[in-house]
Amino acid sequence: MATKSQSHKTKTPAAKDNPSIKNAEVYEALREQGASKEKAARIANAKAKYGDAGPKSPSVRGGKAAPYEDWTRDALYERAKEIGVAGLSRATKGELIHALRSH
């Protein structure tokens, strides 16, 4: 008696067959790179809508605050207290910067 040892895998339809995917080329490239279906679809659709001039990610936009290196040691210490980083009353400026970035 023969048994089935292989599991049956269904292949997902290609992006070109899915009308909700607006940029099939980008979608397929992202899927090949290992992105989930949902993430690939979101990115592909945003690319189709905005192109390269679309909204930037927060890391690209950047914040308005000066880098920690420009802050005084006292300002860094106050910021550490605000966000709940304890045990830094004798920390150097460099140690405070490291603690804030690691928190």
PDB file of N, CA and C in Angstrom:
ATOM      1  N   MET A   1       0.843  -1.178   0.000  1.00  0.00           N
ATOM      2  CA  MET A   1       0.000   0.000   0.000  1.00  0.00           C
ATOM      3  C   MET A   1       0.891   1.245   0.000  1.00  0.00           C
ATOM      4  N   ALA A   2       0.670   2.128  -0.905  1.00  0.00           N
ATOM      5  CA  ALA A   2       1.478   3.338  -1.037  1.00  0.00           C
ATOM      6  C   ALA A   2       0.910   4.436  -0.151  1.00  0.00           C
ATOM      7  N   THR A   3       1.804   5.197   0.449  1.00  0.00           N
ATOM      8  CA  THR A   3       1.370   6.327   1.271  1.00  0.00           C
ATOM      9  C   THR A   3       1.941   7.606   0.688  1.00  0.00           C
ATOM     10  N   LYS A   4       1.246   8.667   0.948  1.00  0.00           N
ATOM     11  CA  LYS A   4       1.726   9.974   0.490  1.00  0.00           C
ATOM     12  C   LYS A   4       2.663  10.536   1.541  1.00  0.00           C
ATOM     13  N   SER A   5       3.900  10.737   1.175  1.00  0.00           N
ATOM     14  CA  SER A   5       4.852  11.300   2.127  1.00  0.00           C
ATOM     15  C   SER A   5       5.117  12.778   1.857  1.00  0.00           C
ATOM     16  N   GLN A   6       4.694  13.250   0.718  1.00  0.00           N
ATOM     17  CA  GLN A   6       4.908  14.654   0.394  1.00  0.00           C
ATOM     18  C   GLN A   6       3.688  15.460   0.798  1.00  0.00           C
ATOM     19  N   SER A   7       3.939  16.595   1.387  1.00  0.00           N
ATOM     20  CA  SER A   7       2.827  17.471   1.725  1.00  0.00           C
ATOM     21  C   SER A   7       2.454  18.273   0.484  1.00  0.00           C
ATOM     22  N   HIS A   8       1.207  18.595   0.404  1.00  0.00           N
ATOM     23  CA  HIS A   8       0.706  19.343  -0.750  1.00  0.00           C
ATOM     24  C   HIS A   8       0.851  20.829  -0.458  1.00  0.00           C
ATOM     25  N   LYS A   9       1.644  21.510  -1.255  1.00  0.00           N
ATOM     26  CA  LYS A   9       1.838  22.951  -1.097  1.00  0.00           C
ATOM     27  C   LYS A   9       1.093  23.667  -2.205  1.00  0.00           C
ATOM     28  N   THR A  10       0.353  24.689  -1.817  1.00  0.00           N
ATOM     29  CA  THR A  10      -0.304  25.500  -2.835  1.00  0.00           C
ATOM     30  C   THR A  10       0.545  26.729  -3.069  1.00  0.00           C
ATOM     31  N   LYS A  11       0.756  27.035  -4.297  1.00  0.00           N
ATOM     32  CA  LYS A  11       1.551  28.203  -4.645  1.00  0.00           C
ATOM     33  C   LYS A  11       0.632  29.418  -4.684  1.00  0.00           C
ATOM     34  N   THR A  12       1.105  30.500  -4.106  1.00  0.00           N
ATOM     35  CA  THR A  12       0.301  31.716  -4.113  1.00  0.00           C
ATOM     36  C   THR A  12       0.286  32.288  -5.521  1.00  0.00           C
ATOM     37  N   PRO A  13      -0.818  32.900  -5.890  1.00  0.00           N
ATOM     38  CA  PRO A  13      -0.886  33.465  -7.236  1.00  0.00           C
ATOM     39  C   PRO A  13       0.132  34.586  -7.400  1.00  0.00           C
ATOM     40  N   ALA A  14       0.628  34.714  -8.597  1.00  0.00           N
ATOM     41  CA  ALA A  14       1.603  35.768  -8.886  1.00  0.00           C
ATOM     42  C   ALA A  14       0.950  37.128  -8.709  1.00  0.00           C
ATOM     43  N   ALA A  15       1.759  38.108  -8.434  1.00  0.00           N
ATOM     44  CA  ALA A  15       1.252  39.461  -8.215  1.00  0.00           C
ATOM     45  C   ALA A  15       0.502  39.979  -9.429  1.00  0.00           C
ATOM     46  N   LYS A  16       0.947  39.580 -10.619  1.00  0.00           N
ATOM     47  CA  LYS A  16       0.275  40.072 -11.825  1.00  0.00           C
ATOM     48  C   LYS A  16      -1.150  39.539 -11.934  1.00  0.00           C
ATOM     49  N   ASP A  17      -1.444  38.437 -11.238  1.00  0.00           N
ATOM     50  CA  ASP A  17      -2.791  37.878 -11.240  1.00  0.00           C
ATOM     51  C   ASP A  17      -3.649  38.438 -10.111  1.00  0.00           C
ATOM     52  N   ASN A  18      -3.056  39.235  -9.242  1.00  0.00           N
ATOM     53  CA  ASN A  18      -3.766  39.782  -8.096  1.00  0.00           C
ATOM     54  C   ASN A  18      -4.019  41.271  -8.334  1.00  0.00           C
ATOM     55  N   PRO A  19      -5.274  41.664  -8.542  1.00  0.00           N
ATOM     56  CA  PRO A  19      -5.559  43.070  -8.859  1.00  0.00           C
ATOM     57  C   PRO A  19      -5.272  44.037  -7.710  1.00  0.00           C
ATOM     58  N   SER A  20      -5.138  43.542  -6.480  1.00  0.00           N
ATOM     59  CA  SER A  20      -4.866  44.462  -5.372  1.00  0.00           C
ATOM     60  C   SER A  20      -3.392  44.862  -5.299  1.00  0.00           C
ATOM     61  N   ILE A  21      -2.523  44.171  -6.036  1.00  0.00           N
ATOM     62  CA  ILE A  21      -1.105  44.527  -6.094  1.00  0.00           C
ATOM     63  C   ILE A  21      -0.919  45.507  -7.244  1.00  0.00           C
ATOM     64  N   LYS A  22      -0.499  46.720  -6.907  1.00  0.00           N
ATOM     65  CA  LYS A  22      -0.410  47.780  -7.917  1.00  0.00           C
ATOM     66  C   LYS A  22       0.923  47.812  -8.661  1.00  0.00           C
ATOM     67  N   ASN A  23       1.980  47.254  -8.075  1.00  0.00           N
ATOM     68  CA  ASN A  23       3.289  47.234  -8.726  1.00  0.00           C
ATOM     69  C   ASN A  23       3.856  45.823  -8.578  1.00  0.00           C
ATOM     70  N   ALA A  24       3.522  44.969  -9.540  1.00  0.00           N
ATOM     71  CA  ALA A  24       3.873  43.550  -9.467  1.00  0.00           C
ATOM     72  C   ALA A  24       5.381  43.324  -9.441  1.00  0.00           C
ATOM     73  N   GLU A  25       6.123  44.134 -10.165  1.00  0.00           N
ATOM     74  CA  GLU A  25       7.575  43.956 -10.227  1.00  0.00           C
ATOM     75  C   GLU A  25       8.220  44.160  -8.857  1.00  0.00           C
ATOM     76  N   VAL A  26       7.828  45.217  -8.178  1.00  0.00           N
ATOM     77  CA  VAL A  26       8.358  45.495  -6.845  1.00  0.00           C
ATOM     78  C   VAL A  26       7.907  44.405  -5.872  1.00  0.00           C
ATOM     79  N   TYR A  27       6.646  43.999  -5.961  1.00  0.00           N
ATOM     80  CA  TYR A  27       6.106  42.954  -5.093  1.00  0.00           C
ATOM     81  C   TYR A  27       6.918  41.668  -5.221  1.00  0.00           C
ATOM     82  N   GLU A  28       7.138  41.225  -6.448  1.00  0.00           N
ATOM     83  CA  GLU A  28       7.871  39.974  -6.677  1.00  0.00           C
ATOM     84  C   GLU A  28       9.308  40.075  -6.169  1.00  0.00           C
ATOM     85  N   ALA A  29       9.941  41.224  -6.376  1.00  0.00           N
ATOM     86  CA  ALA A  29      11.319  41.405  -5.900  1.00  0.00           C
ATOM     87  C   ALA A  29      11.376  41.321  -4.374  1.00  0.00           C
ATOM     88  N   LEU A  30      10.417  41.935  -3.711  1.00  0.00           N
ATOM     89  CA  LEU A  30      10.386  41.896  -2.252  1.00  0.00           C
ATOM     90  C   LEU A  30      10.114  40.490  -1.733  1.00  0.00           C
ATOM     91  N   ARG A  31       9.220  39.771  -2.389  1.00  0.00           N
ATOM     92  CA  ARG A  31       8.924  38.392  -1.980  1.00  0.00           C
ATOM     93  C   ARG A  31      10.162  37.514  -2.135  1.00  0.00           C
ATOM     94  N   GLU A  32      10.917  37.731  -3.220  1.00  0.00           N
ATOM     95  CA  GLU A  32      12.143  36.955  -3.431  1.00  0.00           C
ATOM     96  C   GLU A  32      13.184  37.259  -2.359  1.00  0.00           C
ATOM     97  N   GLN A  33      13.135  38.474  -1.820  1.00  0.00           N
ATOM     98  CA  GLN A  33      14.066  38.865  -0.760  1.00  0.00           C
ATOM     99  C   GLN A  33      13.604  38.371   0.608  1.00  0.00           C
ATOM    100  N   GLY A  34      12.413  37.775   0.668  1.00  0.00           N
ATOM    101  CA  GLY A  34      11.932  37.194   1.914  1.00  0.00           C
ATOM    102  C   GLY A  34      10.877  37.997   2.646  1.00  0.00           C
ATOM    103  N   ALA A  35      10.387  39.071   2.061  1.00  0.00           N
ATOM    104  CA  ALA A  35       9.350  39.867   2.714  1.00  0.00           C
ATOM    105  C   ALA A  35       8.038  39.091   2.736  1.00  0.00           C
ATOM    106  N   SER A  36       7.235  39.321   3.769  1.00  0.00           N
ATOM    107  CA  SER A  36       5.935  38.663   3.847  1.00  0.00           C
ATOM    108  C   SER A  36       5.032  39.191   2.735  1.00  0.00           C
ATOM    109  N   LYS A  37       3.970  38.462   2.452  1.00  0.00           N
ATOM    110  CA  LYS A  37       3.030  38.886   1.405  1.00  0.00           C
ATOM    111  C   LYS A  37       2.448  40.259   1.726  1.00  0.00           C
ATOM    112  N   GLU A  38       2.074  40.443   3.001  1.00  0.00           N
ATOM    113  CA  GLU A  38       1.444  41.698   3.405  1.00  0.00           C
ATOM    114  C   GLU A  38       2.409  42.877   3.284  1.00  0.00           C
ATOM    115  N   LYS A  39       3.627  42.674   3.770  1.00  0.00           N
ATOM    116  CA  LYS A  39       4.612  43.757   3.711  1.00  0.00           C
ATOM    117  C   LYS A  39       4.969  44.088   2.268  1.00  0.00           C
ATOM    118  N   ALA A  40       5.169  43.056   1.449  1.00  0.00           N
ATOM    119  CA  ALA A  40       5.502  43.275   0.040  1.00  0.00           C
ATOM    120  C   ALA A  40       4.375  44.029  -0.663  1.00  0.00           C
ATOM    121  N   ALA A  41       3.133  43.674  -0.362  1.00  0.00           N
ATOM    122  CA  ALA A  41       1.992  44.346  -0.986  1.00  0.00           C
ATOM    123  C   ALA A  41       1.922  45.810  -0.566  1.00  0.00           C
ATOM    124  N   ARG A  42       2.125  46.090   0.728  1.00  0.00           N
ATOM    125  CA  ARG A  42       2.082  47.481   1.204  1.00  0.00           C
ATOM    126  C   ARG A  42       3.146  48.328   0.524  1.00  0.00           C
ATOM    127  N   ILE A  43       4.359  47.799   0.463  1.00  0.00           N
ATOM    128  CA  ILE A  43       5.458  48.558  -0.132  1.00  0.00           C
ATOM    129  C   ILE A  43       5.241  48.744  -1.630  1.00  0.00           C
ATOM    130  N   ALA A  44       4.825  47.680  -2.314  1.00  0.00           N
ATOM    131  CA  ALA A  44       4.599  47.762  -3.760  1.00  0.00           C
ATOM    132  C   ALA A  44       3.494  48.759  -4.080  1.00  0.00           C
ATOM    133  N   ASN A  45       2.429  48.749  -3.297  1.00  0.00           N
ATOM    134  CA  ASN A  45       1.326  49.677  -3.544  1.00  0.00           C
ATOM    135  C   ASN A  45       1.728  51.117  -3.236  1.00  0.00           C
ATOM    136  N   ALA A  46       2.535  51.334  -2.214  1.00  0.00           N
ATOM    137  CA  ALA A  46       3.012  52.684  -1.910  1.00  0.00           C
ATOM    138  C   ALA A  46       3.930  53.182  -3.017  1.00  0.00           C
ATOM    139  N   LYS A  47       4.790  52.295  -3.525  1.00  0.00           N
ATOM    140  CA  LYS A  47       5.669  52.675  -4.644  1.00  0.00           C
ATOM    141  C   LYS A  47       4.847  53.056  -5.862  1.00  0.00           C
ATOM    142  N   ALA A  48       3.783  52.292  -6.125  1.00  0.00           N
ATOM    143  CA  ALA A  48       2.938  52.580  -7.280  1.00  0.00           C
ATOM    144  C   ALA A  48       2.226  53.917  -7.109  1.00  0.00           C
ATOM    145  N   LYS A  49       1.812  54.209  -5.885  1.00  0.00           N
ATOM    146  CA  LYS A  49       1.065  55.438  -5.630  1.00  0.00           C
ATOM    147  C   LYS A  49       1.968  56.671  -5.616  1.00  0.00           C
ATOM    148  N   TYR A  50       3.113  56.568  -4.940  1.00  0.00           N
ATOM    149  CA  TYR A  50       3.962  57.734  -4.734  1.00  0.00           C
ATOM    150  C   TYR A  50       5.243  57.750  -5.561  1.00  0.00           C
ATOM    151  N   GLY A  51       5.659  56.613  -6.059  1.00  0.00           N
ATOM    152  CA  GLY A  51       6.948  56.549  -6.741  1.00  0.00           C
ATOM    153  C   GLY A  51       8.071  56.760  -5.750  1.00  0.00           C
ATOM    154  N   ASP A  52       9.172  57.293  -6.206  1.00  0.00           N
ATOM    155  CA  ASP A  52      10.304  57.536  -5.312  1.00  0.00           C
ATOM    156  C   ASP A  52      10.161  58.838  -4.537  1.00  0.00           C
ATOM    157  N   ALA A  53       9.180  59.653  -4.886  1.00  0.00           N
ATOM    158  CA  ALA A  53       9.008  60.943  -4.224  1.00  0.00           C
ATOM    159  C   ALA A  53       7.977  60.871  -3.111  1.00  0.00           C
ATOM    160  N   GLY A  54       7.600  59.670  -2.708  1.00  0.00           N
ATOM    161  CA  GLY A  54       6.566  59.485  -1.701  1.00  0.00           C
ATOM    162  C   GLY A  54       7.023  59.851  -0.307  1.00  0.00           C
ATOM    163  N   PRO A  55       6.144  59.614   0.658  1.00  0.00           N
ATOM    164  CA  PRO A  55       6.486  59.926   2.048  1.00  0.00           C
ATOM    165  C   PRO A  55       7.718  59.146   2.486  1.00  0.00           C
ATOM    166  N   LYS A  56       8.567  59.792   3.194  1.00  0.00           N
ATOM    167  CA  LYS A  56       9.791  59.159   3.674  1.00  0.00           C
ATOM    168  C   LYS A  56       9.508  58.455   5.000  1.00  0.00           C
ATOM    169  N   SER A  57      10.307  57.463   5.314  1.00  0.00           N
ATOM    170  CA  SER A  57      10.156  56.778   6.591  1.00  0.00           C
ATOM    171  C   SER A  57      10.665  57.697   7.696  1.00  0.00           C
ATOM    172  N   PRO A  58      10.260  57.453   8.939  1.00  0.00           N
ATOM    173  CA  PRO A  58      10.712  58.321  10.028  1.00  0.00           C
ATOM    174  C   PRO A  58      12.228  58.410  10.123  1.00  0.00           C
ATOM    175  N   SER A  59      12.924  57.330   9.852  1.00  0.00           N
ATOM    176  CA  SER A  59      14.380  57.374   9.956  1.00  0.00           C
ATOM    177  C   SER A  59      15.000  58.258   8.885  1.00  0.00           C
ATOM    178  N   VAL A  60      14.339  58.395   7.760  1.00  0.00           N
ATOM    179  CA  VAL A  60      14.855  59.249   6.691  1.00  0.00           C
ATOM    180  C   VAL A  60      14.512  60.706   6.973  1.00  0.00           C
ATOM    181  N   ARG A  61      13.312  60.949   7.506  1.00  0.00           N
ATOM    182  CA  ARG A  61      12.889  62.315   7.796  1.00  0.00           C
ATOM    183  C   ARG A  61      13.763  62.940   8.867  1.00  0.00           C
ATOM    184  N   GLY A  62      14.051  62.169   9.885  1.00  0.00           N
ATOM    185  CA  GLY A  62      14.860  62.677  10.988  1.00  0.00           C
ATOM    186  C   GLY A  62      14.052  63.555  11.924  1.00  0.00           C
ATOM    187  N   GLY A  63      14.552  63.705  13.122  1.00  0.00           N
ATOM    188  CA  GLY A  63      13.863  64.522  14.109  1.00  0.00           C
ATOM    189  C   GLY A  63      14.389  65.938  14.108  1.00  0.00           C
ATOM    190  N   LYS A  64      13.799  66.750  14.973  1.00  0.00           N
ATOM    191  CA  LYS A  64      14.209  68.140  15.060  1.00  0.00           C
ATOM    192  C   LYS A  64      15.201  68.367  16.206  1.00  0.00           C
ATOM    193  N   ALA A  65      15.366  67.374  17.080  1.00  0.00           N
ATOM    194  CA  ALA A  65      16.267  67.530  18.218  1.00  0.00           C
ATOM    195  C   ALA A  65      17.720  67.432  17.766  1.00  0.00           C
ATOM    196  N   ALA A  66      18.564  68.162  18.467  1.00  0.00           N
ATOM    197  CA  ALA A  66      20.004  68.113  18.182  1.00  0.00           C
ATOM    198  C   ALA A  66      20.550  66.757  18.622  1.00  0.00           C
ATOM    199  N   PRO A  67      21.633  66.303  18.023  1.00  0.00           N
ATOM    200  CA  PRO A  67      22.224  65.032  18.450  1.00  0.00           C
ATOM    201  C   PRO A  67      22.676  65.119  19.905  1.00  0.00           C
ATOM    202  N   TYR A  68      22.651  63.983  20.596  1.00  0.00           N
ATOM    203  CA  TYR A  68      23.023  63.957  22.010  1.00  0.00           C
ATOM    204  C   TYR A  68      24.406  64.544  22.260  1.00  0.00           C
ATOM    205  N   GLU A  69      25.302  64.412  21.318  1.00  0.00           N
ATOM    206  CA  GLU A  69      26.653  64.950  21.503  1.00  0.00           C
ATOM    207  C   GLU A  69      26.645  66.465  21.693  1.00  0.00           C
ATOM    208  N   ASP A  70      25.618  67.144  21.186  1.00  0.00           N
ATOM    209  CA  ASP A  70      25.512  68.597  21.328  1.00  0.00           C
ATOM    210  C   ASP A  70      24.844  69.013  22.638  1.00  0.00           C
ATOM    211  N   TRP A  71      24.257  68.071  23.374  1.00  0.00           N
ATOM    212  CA  TRP A  71      23.575  68.365  24.630  1.00  0.00           C
ATOM    213  C   TRP A  71      24.603  68.516  25.745  1.00  0.00           C
ATOM    214  N   THR A  72      24.219  69.238  26.786  1.00  0.00           N
ATOM    215  CA  THR A  72      25.076  69.305  27.972  1.00  0.00           C
ATOM    216  C   THR A  72      24.893  68.027  28.778  1.00  0.00           C
ATOM    217  N   ARG A  73      25.840  67.760  29.668  1.00  0.00           N
ATOM    218  CA  ARG A  73      25.741  66.578  30.521  1.00  0.00           C
ATOM    219  C   ARG A  73      24.491  66.653  31.389  1.00  0.00           C
ATOM    220  N   ASP A  74      24.179  67.842  31.912  1.00  0.00           N
ATOM    221  CA  ASP A  74      22.997  68.005  32.764  1.00  0.00           C
ATOM    222  C   ASP A  74      21.705  67.761  31.986  1.00  0.00           C
ATOM    223  N   ALA A  75      21.653  68.232  30.747  1.00  0.00           N
ATOM    224  CA  ALA A  75      20.459  68.004  29.924  1.00  0.00           C
ATOM    225  C   ALA A  75      20.286  66.515  29.627  1.00  0.00           C
ATOM    226  N   LEU A  76      21.387  65.829  29.377  1.00  0.00           N
ATOM    227  CA  LEU A  76      21.330  64.383  29.140  1.00  0.00           C
ATOM    228  C   LEU A  76      20.835  63.654  30.385  1.00  0.00           C
ATOM    229  N   TYR A  77      21.327  64.066  31.549  1.00  0.00           N
ATOM    230  CA  TYR A  77      20.912  63.447  32.802  1.00  0.00           C
ATOM    231  C   TYR A  77      19.416  63.665  33.035  1.00  0.00           C
ATOM    232  N   GLU A  78      18.933  64.878  32.785  1.00  0.00           N
ATOM    233  CA  GLU A  78      17.502  65.163  32.947  1.00  0.00           C
ATOM    234  C   GLU A  78      16.661  64.316  31.994  1.00  0.00           C
ATOM    235  N   ARG A  79      17.119  64.177  30.770  1.00  0.00           N
ATOM    236  CA  ARG A  79      16.391  63.355  29.785  1.00  0.00           C
ATOM    237  C   ARG A  79      16.360  61.897  30.237  1.00  0.00           C
ATOM    238  N   ALA A  80      17.467  61.408  30.769  1.00  0.00           N
ATOM    239  CA  ALA A  80      17.517  60.033  31.265  1.00  0.00           C
ATOM    240  C   ALA A  80      16.515  59.839  32.403  1.00  0.00           C
ATOM    241  N   LYS A  81      16.417  60.823  33.307  1.00  0.00           N
ATOM    242  CA  LYS A  81      15.435  60.736  34.400  1.00  0.00           C
ATOM    243  C   LYS A  81      14.015  60.736  33.844  1.00  0.00           C
ATOM    244  N   GLU A  82      13.750  61.576  32.834  1.00  0.00           N
ATOM    245  CA  GLU A  82      12.408  61.663  32.236  1.00  0.00           C
ATOM    246  C   GLU A  82      11.937  60.325  31.691  1.00  0.00           C
ATOM    247  N   ILE A  83      12.839  59.597  31.062  1.00  0.00           N
ATOM    248  CA  ILE A  83      12.421  58.342  30.426  1.00  0.00           C
ATOM    249  C   ILE A  83      12.638  57.124  31.324  1.00  0.00           C
ATOM    250  N   GLY A  84      13.072  57.368  32.569  1.00  0.00           N
ATOM    251  CA  GLY A  84      13.147  56.286  33.538  1.00  0.00           C
ATOM    252  C   GLY A  84      14.426  55.486  33.562  1.00  0.00           C
ATOM    253  N   VAL A  85      15.515  56.056  33.073  1.00  0.00           N
ATOM    254  CA  VAL A  85      16.808  55.375  33.153  1.00  0.00           C
ATOM    255  C   VAL A  85      17.420  55.763  34.498  1.00  0.00           C
ATOM    256  N   ALA A  86      17.602  54.771  35.373  1.00  0.00           N
ATOM    257  CA  ALA A  86      18.073  55.046  36.731  1.00  0.00           C
ATOM    258  C   ALA A  86      19.551  54.715  36.887  1.00  0.00           C
ATOM    259  N   GLY A  87      20.126  55.212  37.981  1.00  0.00           N
ATOM    260  CA  GLY A  87      21.494  54.869  38.343  1.00  0.00           C
ATOM    261  C   GLY A  87      22.565  55.591  37.556  1.00  0.00           C
ATOM    262  N   LEU A  88      22.267  56.788  37.088  1.00  0.00           N
ATOM    263  CA  LEU A  88      23.238  57.500  36.259  1.00  0.00           C
ATOM    264  C   LEU A  88      23.693  58.825  36.869  1.00  0.00           C
ATOM    265  N   SER A  89      23.518  58.991  38.165  1.00  0.00           N
ATOM    266  CA  SER A  89      23.853  60.280  38.774  1.00  0.00           C
ATOM    267  C   SER A  89      25.337  60.615  38.660  1.00  0.00           C
ATOM    268  N   ARG A  90      26.194  59.601  38.578  1.00  0.00           N
ATOM    269  CA  ARG A  90      27.636  59.850  38.458  1.00  0.00           C
ATOM    270  C   ARG A  90      28.161  59.513  37.065  1.00  0.00           C
ATOM    271  N   ALA A  91      27.272  59.311  36.136  1.00  0.00           N
ATOM    272  CA  ALA A  91      27.677  58.917  34.779  1.00  0.00           C
ATOM    273  C   ALA A  91      28.311  60.087  34.034  1.00  0.00           C
ATOM    274  N   THR A  92      29.238  59.752  33.167  1.00  0.00           N
ATOM    275  CA  THR A  92      29.850  60.764  32.307  1.00  0.00           C
ATOM    276  C   THR A  92      28.888  61.069  31.156  1.00  0.00           C
ATOM    277  N   LYS A  93      29.220  62.105  30.415  1.00  0.00           N
ATOM    278  CA  LYS A  93      28.397  62.463  29.259  1.00  0.00           C
ATOM    279  C   LYS A  93      28.323  61.295  28.277  1.00  0.00           C
ATOM    280  N   GLY A  94      29.429  60.653  28.004  1.00  0.00           N
ATOM    281  CA  GLY A  94      29.456  59.509  27.094  1.00  0.00           C
ATOM    282  C   GLY A  94      28.607  58.351  27.591  1.00  0.00           C
ATOM    283  N   GLU A  95      28.671  58.092  28.898  1.00  0.00           N
ATOM    284  CA  GLU A  95      27.861  57.018  29.484  1.00  0.00           C
ATOM    285  C   GLU A  95      26.374  57.346  29.400  1.00  0.00           C
ATOM    286  N   LEU A  96      26.035  58.610  29.608  1.00  0.00           N
ATOM    287  CA  LEU A  96      24.632  59.027  29.498  1.00  0.00           C
ATOM    288  C   LEU A  96      24.126  58.860  28.068  1.00  0.00           C
ATOM    289  N   ILE A  97      24.927  59.256  27.101  1.00  0.00           N
ATOM    290  CA  ILE A  97      24.545  59.103  25.692  1.00  0.00           C
ATOM    291  C   ILE A  97      24.317  57.632  25.378  1.00  0.00           C
ATOM    292  N   HIS A  98      25.222  56.781  25.816  1.00  0.00           N
ATOM    293  CA  HIS A  98      25.085  55.340  25.573  1.00  0.00           C
ATOM    294  C   HIS A  98      23.809  54.801  26.226  1.00  0.00           C
ATOM    295  N   ALA A  99      23.547  55.210  27.469  1.00  0.00           N
ATOM    296  CA  ALA A  99      22.356  54.738  28.177  1.00  0.00           C
ATOM    297  C   ALA A  99      21.077  55.194  27.478  1.00  0.00           C
ATOM    298  N   LEU A 100      21.054  56.433  27.011  1.00  0.00           N
ATOM    299  CA  LEU A 100      19.864  56.945  26.325  1.00  0.00           C
ATOM    300  C   LEU A 100      19.628  56.214  25.008  1.00  0.00           C
ATOM    301  N   ARG A 101      20.671  55.955  24.276  1.00  0.00           N
ATOM    302  CA  ARG A 101      20.525  55.267  22.989  1.00  0.00           C
ATOM    303  C   ARG A 101      20.196  53.794  23.166  1.00  0.00           C
ATOM    304  N   SER A 102      20.587  53.224  24.283  1.00  0.00           N
ATOM    305  CA  SER A 102      20.345  51.803  24.532  1.00  0.00           C
ATOM    306  C   SER A 102      18.997  51.551  25.189  1.00  0.00           C
ATOM    307  N   HIS A 103      18.352  52.593  25.682  1.00  0.00           N
ATOM    308  CA  HIS A 103      17.086  52.427  26.399  1.00  0.00           C
ATOM    309  C   HIS A 103      15.955  52.131  25.465  1.00  0.00           C
TER     310      HIS A 103
END
